[in-house]
């Protein structure tokens, strides 16, 4: 099944003319890097056309399906760790925007591969992430992610391909006459929520749920984020917490497909910010090797999604959607690893590198979101010691 041309063109319109440039869309003369796998070629054609109609310049990074495993099976360690610095630096220097399409024909392509090698590959590509982050913090780069459904992805989610695409269409408002206009309405509500949260002067949050009693320290020098086109869809309101102040336990009920593997039923315990216990019913070795990676043993993001904003009601076997699920209880997710520096309330480009750790912003090549949809209550303790329930029964209470 391939969605109609009308749907694909609407999808491309949202990704190019809304999501980029922080919700303002691409400008004439700008360069847009389109990173798309082979199985998502129908969407690539719509994206390419839409960039051209916007009088911008497309660059295509087109990757063949199911070749990732070959590197780990036939490559030596030096090949696995090789990073083509000049090539990727050139891409970052040239591009004003990045649209990355997520699509796979095998969700477990790297199953059985030594996960420590997968993490070495991730670590080798850290400069690419840093260059993009630095350029973004200067206001000269934006990015967004989109999803293209395949039979393999639908199968992992236990949906038909039609059901899978129905979720994509509803989540991205592609069944609306003007999806971009609808996204702008959603962005206004997300902006209201994050502005309200930023006005509360929160010291820390307490998350209470099944097998969960977790303290997330916020402190000063950070703000809540959300909207603005990063990720399509995105309904979450999130923040980069003080990584040193995470304390307690949390259980997650949503499976995680990451690094070519399935990780399921994750349970974590923290002391003074550090993961001191990690368990999972499936993929425990991958989870533990990930946590061993520098900085991946601390929290880089805390996020909440209001069920009233999101049309996503089913598990999609893809973090982009699962971290934005609405359903009955919305969702809470944390990310182990790298923090978002744009959570800093002033200009992050003016902050010396040594100051980030001092302010509690975690740094890592890893950024792995883990999601819970259990019924939960989130209570904020303010700097004046007063408490306020900010989230309950899947909805913000502010």
Protein backbone atom coordinates (compact mmCIF):
# COMPACT_ATOMS: atom_id res chain seq x y z
CA UNK A 1 0.00 0.00 0.00
CA UNK A 2 1.20 3.49 -0.95
CA UNK A 3 -0.85 6.47 0.25
CA UNK A 4 -2.49 8.63 -2.41
CA UNK A 5 -0.46 11.36 -4.07
CA UNK A 6 -2.72 13.91 -2.38
CA UNK A 7 -1.82 12.56 1.07
CA UNK A 8 1.91 12.41 0.27
CA UNK A 9 1.87 15.97 -1.06
CA UNK A 10 0.07 17.21 2.07
CA UNK A 11 2.63 15.36 4.19
CA UNK A 12 5.51 16.98 2.29
CA UNK A 13 3.84 20.38 2.66
CA UNK A 14 3.73 19.98 6.45
CA UNK A 15 7.36 18.82 6.66
CA UNK A 16 8.78 21.52 4.35
CA UNK A 17 6.45 24.51 4.71
CA UNK A 18 5.64 24.19 8.42
CA UNK A 19 8.11 22.03 10.35
CA UNK A 20 11.33 23.67 9.18
CA UNK A 21 12.50 27.09 10.36
CA UNK A 22 10.79 26.61 13.74
CA UNK A 23 7.27 26.37 12.35
CA UNK A 24 7.72 29.00 9.64
CA UNK A 25 8.75 26.74 6.75
CA UNK A 26 11.61 26.86 4.29
CA UNK A 27 12.64 30.13 2.59
CA UNK A 28 13.62 30.63 -1.07
CA UNK A 29 17.30 29.98 -1.68
CA UNK A 30 17.80 27.81 1.40
CA UNK A 31 19.32 24.32 1.16
CA UNK A 32 17.32 21.35 2.43
CA UNK A 33 18.98 17.98 3.05
CA UNK A 34 16.49 15.15 2.49
CA UNK A 35 17.65 11.97 4.27
CA UNK A 36 15.36 9.20 3.09
CA UNK A 37 15.66 5.39 2.92
CA UNK A 38 14.89 3.42 -0.22
CA UNK A 39 11.55 2.10 1.03
CA UNK A 40 10.21 5.66 1.45
CA UNK A 41 10.90 6.76 -2.14
CA UNK A 42 7.26 7.81 -2.82
CA UNK A 43 7.50 10.40 -0.05
CA UNK A 44 10.95 11.50 -1.23
CA UNK A 45 9.48 12.44 -4.62
CA UNK A 46 6.86 14.63 -2.93
CA UNK A 47 9.46 16.22 -0.64
CA UNK A 48 11.78 16.95 -3.57
CA UNK A 49 8.98 18.60 -5.54
CA UNK A 50 7.81 20.62 -2.53
CA UNK A 51 11.32 21.98 -1.89
CA UNK A 52 11.60 23.02 -5.52
CA UNK A 53 8.18 24.73 -5.46
CA UNK A 54 9.37 26.66 -2.39
CA UNK A 55 12.27 27.93 -4.55
CA UNK A 56 14.77 26.20 -2.28
CA UNK A 57 17.54 23.72 -3.11
CA UNK A 58 17.17 20.00 -2.28
CA UNK A 59 20.11 17.69 -1.52
CA UNK A 60 19.31 13.99 -1.36
CA UNK A 61 20.90 11.44 0.98
CA UNK A 62 19.23 8.23 -0.24
CA UNK A 63 20.10 5.02 1.62
CA UNK A 64 19.41 1.43 0.49
CA UNK A 65 17.39 -0.85 2.75
CA UNK A 66 18.89 -3.53 5.00
CA UNK A 67 22.61 -2.86 4.61
CA UNK A 68 23.42 -1.82 8.19
CA UNK A 69 24.07 -5.37 9.35
CA UNK A 70 26.80 -5.96 6.77
CA UNK A 71 29.08 -3.40 8.42
CA UNK A 72 28.99 -5.27 11.74
CA UNK A 73 29.25 -8.77 10.20
CA UNK A 74 32.07 -8.10 7.70
CA UNK A 75 33.71 -4.89 8.91
CA UNK A 76 36.63 -4.72 11.30
CA UNK A 77 36.50 -2.54 14.41
CA UNK A 78 38.36 0.31 12.65
CA UNK A 79 35.77 0.25 9.86
CA UNK A 80 32.90 0.27 12.34
CA UNK A 81 34.43 3.30 14.11
CA UNK A 82 35.30 5.14 10.87
CA UNK A 83 33.75 8.59 10.59
CA UNK A 84 34.01 10.38 7.20
CA UNK A 85 34.65 13.77 8.76
CA UNK A 86 35.01 15.88 5.60
CA UNK A 87 31.85 14.46 4.04
CA UNK A 88 29.60 15.05 7.03
CA UNK A 89 31.17 18.43 7.87
CA UNK A 90 30.45 19.46 4.29
CA UNK A 91 26.80 18.40 4.62
CA UNK A 92 26.35 20.42 7.81
CA UNK A 93 28.09 23.47 6.34
CA UNK A 94 25.98 23.34 3.16
CA UNK A 95 22.53 22.59 4.57
CA UNK A 96 20.19 25.08 6.20
CA UNK A 97 17.68 22.36 7.10
CA UNK A 98 17.39 18.59 7.47
CA UNK A 99 14.32 16.44 6.87
CA UNK A 100 14.93 12.85 8.01
CA UNK A 101 12.34 10.21 7.11
CA UNK A 102 12.15 7.13 9.33
CA UNK A 103 11.25 3.93 7.48
CA UNK A 104 12.51 0.36 7.80
CA UNK A 105 11.99 -3.00 6.16
CA UNK A 106 13.43 -4.88 9.16
CA UNK A 107 12.95 -3.46 12.66
CA UNK A 108 15.31 -6.06 14.16
CA UNK A 109 18.06 -5.88 11.56
CA UNK A 110 20.88 -5.79 14.13
CA UNK A 111 19.46 -8.41 16.48
CA UNK A 112 22.30 -10.68 17.64
CA UNK A 113 25.04 -8.17 16.83
CA UNK A 114 27.38 -7.33 19.72
CA UNK A 115 25.71 -4.22 21.12
CA UNK A 116 29.03 -2.76 22.28
CA UNK A 117 29.98 -2.46 18.60
CA UNK A 118 26.71 -0.66 17.86
CA UNK A 119 27.54 1.85 20.59
CA UNK A 120 31.04 2.36 19.16
CA UNK A 121 29.43 3.25 15.85
CA UNK A 122 27.12 5.72 17.63
CA UNK A 123 30.05 7.29 19.46
CA UNK A 124 32.07 7.69 16.26
CA UNK A 125 29.33 9.88 14.77
CA UNK A 126 29.15 12.27 17.72
CA UNK A 127 30.85 15.11 15.78
CA UNK A 128 28.01 15.10 13.24
CA UNK A 129 25.50 15.64 16.04
CA UNK A 130 27.66 18.33 17.65
CA UNK A 131 28.12 20.28 14.41
CA UNK A 132 24.38 20.28 13.80
CA UNK A 133 23.67 21.32 17.38
CA UNK A 134 26.18 24.19 17.23
CA UNK A 135 24.74 25.48 13.95
CA UNK A 136 21.19 25.15 15.30
CA UNK A 137 22.09 27.10 18.44
CA UNK A 138 23.32 29.91 16.19
CA UNK A 139 19.89 29.99 14.52
CA UNK A 140 21.29 28.82 11.19
CA UNK A 141 19.93 25.27 11.05
CA UNK A 142 16.63 23.49 11.66
CA UNK A 143 15.49 19.89 11.37
CA UNK A 144 12.45 17.67 11.52
CA UNK A 145 11.60 13.96 11.47
CA UNK A 146 8.76 12.22 9.69
CA UNK A 147 7.59 8.60 9.45
CA UNK A 148 6.84 6.50 6.37
CA UNK A 149 4.94 3.31 7.11
CA UNK A 150 6.07 -0.09 5.81
CA UNK A 151 4.75 -3.62 6.14
CA UNK A 152 7.60 -4.53 8.51
CA UNK A 153 6.84 -1.60 10.81
CA UNK A 154 3.11 -2.30 10.81
CA UNK A 155 3.76 -5.97 11.60
CA UNK A 156 5.85 -5.08 14.68
CA UNK A 157 3.02 -2.82 15.86
CA UNK A 158 0.52 -5.64 15.18
CA UNK A 159 -1.41 -3.47 12.74
CA UNK A 160 -2.27 -3.81 9.09
CA UNK A 161 -0.41 -1.40 6.83
CA UNK A 162 -3.67 0.49 6.29
CA UNK A 163 -4.21 0.80 10.05
CA UNK A 164 -0.63 1.97 10.44
CA UNK A 165 -1.02 4.65 7.79
CA UNK A 166 -4.37 5.69 9.27
CA UNK A 167 -2.50 6.56 12.47
CA UNK A 168 0.09 8.58 10.50
CA UNK A 169 -2.61 10.45 8.58
CA UNK A 170 -4.61 11.30 11.70
CA UNK A 171 -1.53 12.16 13.78
CA UNK A 172 -0.25 14.60 11.17
CA UNK A 173 -3.75 15.99 10.34
CA UNK A 174 -3.35 14.92 6.71
CA UNK A 175 -7.10 14.24 6.59
CA UNK A 176 -7.70 17.96 7.20
CA UNK A 177 -8.25 20.38 4.31
CA UNK A 178 -5.31 22.49 5.49
CA UNK A 179 -2.96 20.44 7.71
CA UNK A 180 -0.51 23.33 8.16
CA UNK A 181 -3.26 25.57 9.57
CA UNK A 182 -4.23 22.80 12.02
CA UNK A 183 -0.61 22.39 13.14
CA UNK A 184 -0.44 26.09 13.90
CA UNK A 185 -3.49 25.76 16.19
CA UNK A 186 -1.87 22.85 18.05
CA UNK A 187 1.36 24.83 18.39
CA UNK A 188 -0.52 27.68 20.09
CA UNK A 189 -1.81 25.32 22.80
CA UNK A 190 1.63 23.73 23.28
CA UNK A 191 3.05 27.25 23.60
CA UNK A 192 0.44 28.09 26.24
CA UNK A 193 1.34 25.00 28.27
CA UNK A 194 5.08 25.57 28.18
CA UNK A 195 4.67 29.29 28.99
CA UNK A 196 2.56 28.39 32.02
CA UNK A 197 5.10 25.81 33.19
CA UNK A 198 7.91 28.31 32.74
CA UNK A 199 6.05 30.80 34.93
CA UNK A 200 5.80 28.38 37.89
CA UNK A 201 9.43 28.51 39.11
CA UNK A 202 9.57 24.74 39.68
CA UNK A 203 12.34 23.22 41.80
CA UNK A 204 11.53 19.57 41.12
CA UNK A 205 8.84 17.18 39.89
CA UNK A 206 7.55 13.97 41.43
CA UNK A 207 6.14 11.29 39.13
CA UNK A 208 3.94 8.67 40.79
CA UNK A 209 2.68 5.64 38.90
CA UNK A 210 2.90 1.84 38.78
CA UNK A 211 6.32 0.83 40.21
CA UNK A 212 7.24 4.49 39.82
CA UNK A 213 8.21 7.14 42.33
CA UNK A 214 10.66 9.42 40.59
CA UNK A 215 12.06 12.85 41.41
CA UNK A 216 13.18 15.02 38.48
CA UNK A 217 15.25 18.03 39.54
CA UNK A 218 14.84 21.14 37.41
CA UNK A 219 16.45 24.08 39.20
CA UNK A 220 17.43 27.28 37.39
CA UNK A 221 18.90 27.98 33.94
CA UNK A 222 16.36 25.95 31.97
CA UNK A 223 12.98 26.32 30.30
CA UNK A 224 10.25 24.03 28.99
CA UNK A 225 10.17 23.41 25.24
CA UNK A 226 7.61 22.12 22.74
CA UNK A 227 6.18 22.62 19.28
CA UNK A 228 8.04 24.64 16.68
CA UNK A 229 8.14 21.86 14.08
CA UNK A 230 10.79 19.61 15.62
CA UNK A 231 9.36 16.20 14.78
CA UNK A 232 6.11 15.62 12.92
CA UNK A 233 4.09 14.76 14.87
CA UNK A 234 5.06 16.35 18.18
CA UNK A 235 2.66 17.21 20.99
CA UNK A 236 5.05 16.84 23.90
CA UNK A 237 6.13 19.51 26.37
CA UNK A 238 9.63 18.74 27.61
CA UNK A 239 12.65 20.05 29.47
CA UNK A 240 16.31 19.22 30.03
CA UNK A 241 16.48 18.49 33.78
CA UNK A 242 19.45 18.74 36.11
CA UNK A 243 20.96 15.31 35.46
CA UNK A 244 22.47 15.16 38.98
CA UNK A 245 19.11 15.34 40.76
CA UNK A 246 17.18 12.37 39.36
CA UNK A 247 16.21 10.08 42.23
CA UNK A 248 13.94 7.03 42.62
CA UNK A 249 12.47 4.42 40.32
CA UNK A 250 10.40 4.24 37.12
CA UNK A 251 8.84 1.43 35.09
CA UNK A 252 8.05 1.77 31.38
CA UNK A 253 5.34 -0.24 29.61
CA UNK A 254 6.04 0.69 25.98
CA UNK A 255 8.44 -1.43 23.92
CA UNK A 256 11.42 0.38 22.45
CA UNK A 257 12.91 -0.37 19.03
CA UNK A 258 16.43 1.06 19.06
CA UNK A 259 19.82 0.19 17.58
CA UNK A 260 18.23 -2.50 15.43
CA UNK A 261 16.87 -4.31 18.50
CA UNK A 262 13.75 -4.61 20.62
CA UNK A 263 14.01 -3.51 24.27
CA UNK A 264 10.90 -4.18 26.34
CA UNK A 265 9.57 -3.71 29.89
CA UNK A 266 12.36 -1.39 31.03
CA UNK A 267 12.79 -0.64 34.74
CA UNK A 268 15.31 1.90 36.04
CA UNK A 269 16.46 3.06 39.47
CA UNK A 270 18.43 6.26 40.09
CA UNK A 271 20.57 7.60 42.90
CA UNK A 272 22.07 11.11 42.71
CA UNK A 273 21.19 11.15 39.02
CA UNK A 274 22.99 7.93 38.13
CA UNK A 275 21.30 4.74 36.90
CA UNK A 276 22.10 2.22 39.63
CA UNK A 277 19.78 -0.54 38.42
CA UNK A 278 18.50 -1.38 34.95
CA UNK A 279 16.28 -4.26 33.96
CA UNK A 280 14.31 -5.29 30.88
CA UNK A 281 12.38 -8.39 29.84
CA UNK A 282 13.89 -8.20 26.33
CA UNK A 283 17.04 -6.49 25.06
CA UNK A 284 18.69 -6.16 28.47
CA UNK A 285 22.22 -6.56 27.03
CA UNK A 286 21.61 -3.73 24.56
CA UNK A 287 20.15 -1.54 27.31
CA UNK A 288 23.12 -2.15 29.61
CA UNK A 289 25.70 -1.53 26.87
CA UNK A 290 23.89 1.68 26.00
CA UNK A 291 23.96 2.83 29.64
CA UNK A 292 27.71 2.10 29.76
CA UNK A 293 28.23 4.65 26.99
CA UNK A 294 29.53 7.94 28.39
CA UNK A 295 26.69 10.09 29.72
CA UNK A 296 23.95 7.54 28.93
CA UNK A 297 23.59 6.67 32.62
CA UNK A 298 21.95 10.05 33.30
CA UNK A 299 18.69 11.71 32.20
CA UNK A 300 18.82 14.31 29.43
CA UNK A 301 15.09 14.94 28.92
CA UNK A 302 11.78 14.73 30.77
CA UNK A 303 8.55 14.99 28.77
CA UNK A 304 4.76 14.93 29.10
CA UNK A 305 2.11 14.62 26.38
CA UNK A 306 -1.52 15.67 26.91
CA UNK A 307 -3.90 13.05 25.51
CA UNK A 308 -6.27 15.77 24.26
CA UNK A 309 -3.72 17.06 21.73
CA UNK A 310 -2.66 13.78 20.12
CA UNK A 311 -4.68 11.63 17.73
CA UNK A 312 -2.23 8.74 18.17
CA UNK A 313 -4.06 5.93 19.93
CA UNK A 314 -2.04 2.82 19.04
CA UNK A 315 1.47 1.50 19.64
CA UNK A 316 3.49 2.21 16.48
CA UNK A 317 6.84 0.50 17.22
CA UNK A 318 8.58 3.80 16.48
CA UNK A 319 9.71 6.27 19.15
CA UNK A 320 8.69 9.31 17.10
CA UNK A 321 5.06 8.24 17.49
CA UNK A 322 5.17 6.31 20.75
CA UNK A 323 6.62 9.32 22.62
CA UNK A 324 3.67 11.37 21.34
CA UNK A 325 0.86 8.88 21.95
CA UNK A 326 -2.39 10.28 23.35
CA UNK A 327 -4.74 7.40 24.09
CA UNK A 328 -6.35 7.22 27.54
CA UNK A 329 -3.45 8.44 29.66
CA UNK A 330 -1.19 10.45 27.38
CA UNK A 331 2.42 9.57 28.09
CA UNK A 332 5.49 10.36 30.13
CA UNK A 333 8.92 9.73 28.75
CA UNK A 334 12.48 10.36 29.76
CA UNK A 335 15.57 10.22 27.58
CA UNK A 336 18.77 8.69 28.81
CA UNK A 337 21.74 10.61 27.47
CA UNK A 338 22.15 13.97 25.82
CA UNK A 339 20.23 17.05 26.98
CA UNK A 340 18.74 19.69 24.68
CA UNK A 341 20.79 22.85 25.10
CA UNK A 342 17.97 24.96 23.66
CA UNK A 343 16.30 24.35 27.03
CA UNK A 344 18.68 27.05 28.27
CA UNK A 345 16.55 30.23 28.58
CA UNK A 346 19.11 32.58 26.99
CA UNK A 347 21.36 32.23 23.94
CA UNK A 348 23.08 28.82 24.30
CA UNK A 349 25.82 29.76 21.86
CA UNK A 350 27.22 32.19 24.44
CA UNK A 351 27.62 29.50 27.11
CA UNK A 352 31.20 28.16 27.52
CA UNK A 353 31.41 24.39 27.14
CA UNK A 354 32.63 23.99 30.71
CA UNK A 355 29.46 25.65 32.05
CA UNK A 356 26.99 23.07 30.71
CA UNK A 357 28.00 20.38 33.21
CA UNK A 358 28.12 22.98 35.96
CA UNK A 359 24.45 23.79 35.22
CA UNK A 360 23.45 20.10 35.12
CA UNK A 361 23.02 19.70 31.36
CA UNK A 362 23.98 16.15 30.44
CA UNK A 363 26.16 15.39 27.42
CA UNK A 364 26.31 12.11 25.53
CA UNK A 365 26.28 10.69 22.02
CA UNK A 366 23.21 8.73 23.20
CA UNK A 367 19.69 10.17 23.39
CA UNK A 368 17.25 7.31 23.91
CA UNK A 369 13.60 8.02 24.77
CA UNK A 370 11.75 5.44 26.89
CA UNK A 371 7.97 5.76 27.20
CA UNK A 372 5.31 4.99 29.80
CA UNK A 373 1.54 5.24 29.33
CA UNK A 374 0.65 4.05 32.83
CA UNK A 375 -1.84 6.19 34.73
CA UNK A 376 0.25 8.73 36.65
CA UNK A 377 0.31 11.91 38.67
CA UNK A 378 2.99 14.57 38.32
CA UNK A 379 3.39 17.02 41.18
CA UNK A 380 5.56 20.13 41.02
CA UNK A 381 7.31 21.47 44.10
CA UNK A 382 7.96 25.18 43.62
CA UNK A 383 10.93 27.14 44.90
CA UNK A 384 8.67 28.56 47.64
CA UNK A 385 7.98 24.95 48.81
CA UNK A 386 4.35 24.98 47.64
CA UNK A 387 3.15 21.93 45.67
CA UNK A 388 0.92 21.80 42.61
CA UNK A 389 -0.41 18.83 40.61
CA UNK A 390 0.46 19.77 37.03
CA UNK A 391 -0.55 16.53 35.28
CA UNK A 392 -3.03 13.75 36.07
CA UNK A 393 -5.22 11.26 34.16
CA UNK A 394 -3.36 12.02 30.92
CA UNK A 395 -3.99 15.77 31.02
CA UNK A 396 -2.21 18.91 32.10
CA UNK A 397 -3.99 20.61 35.03
CA UNK A 398 -2.65 24.07 34.37
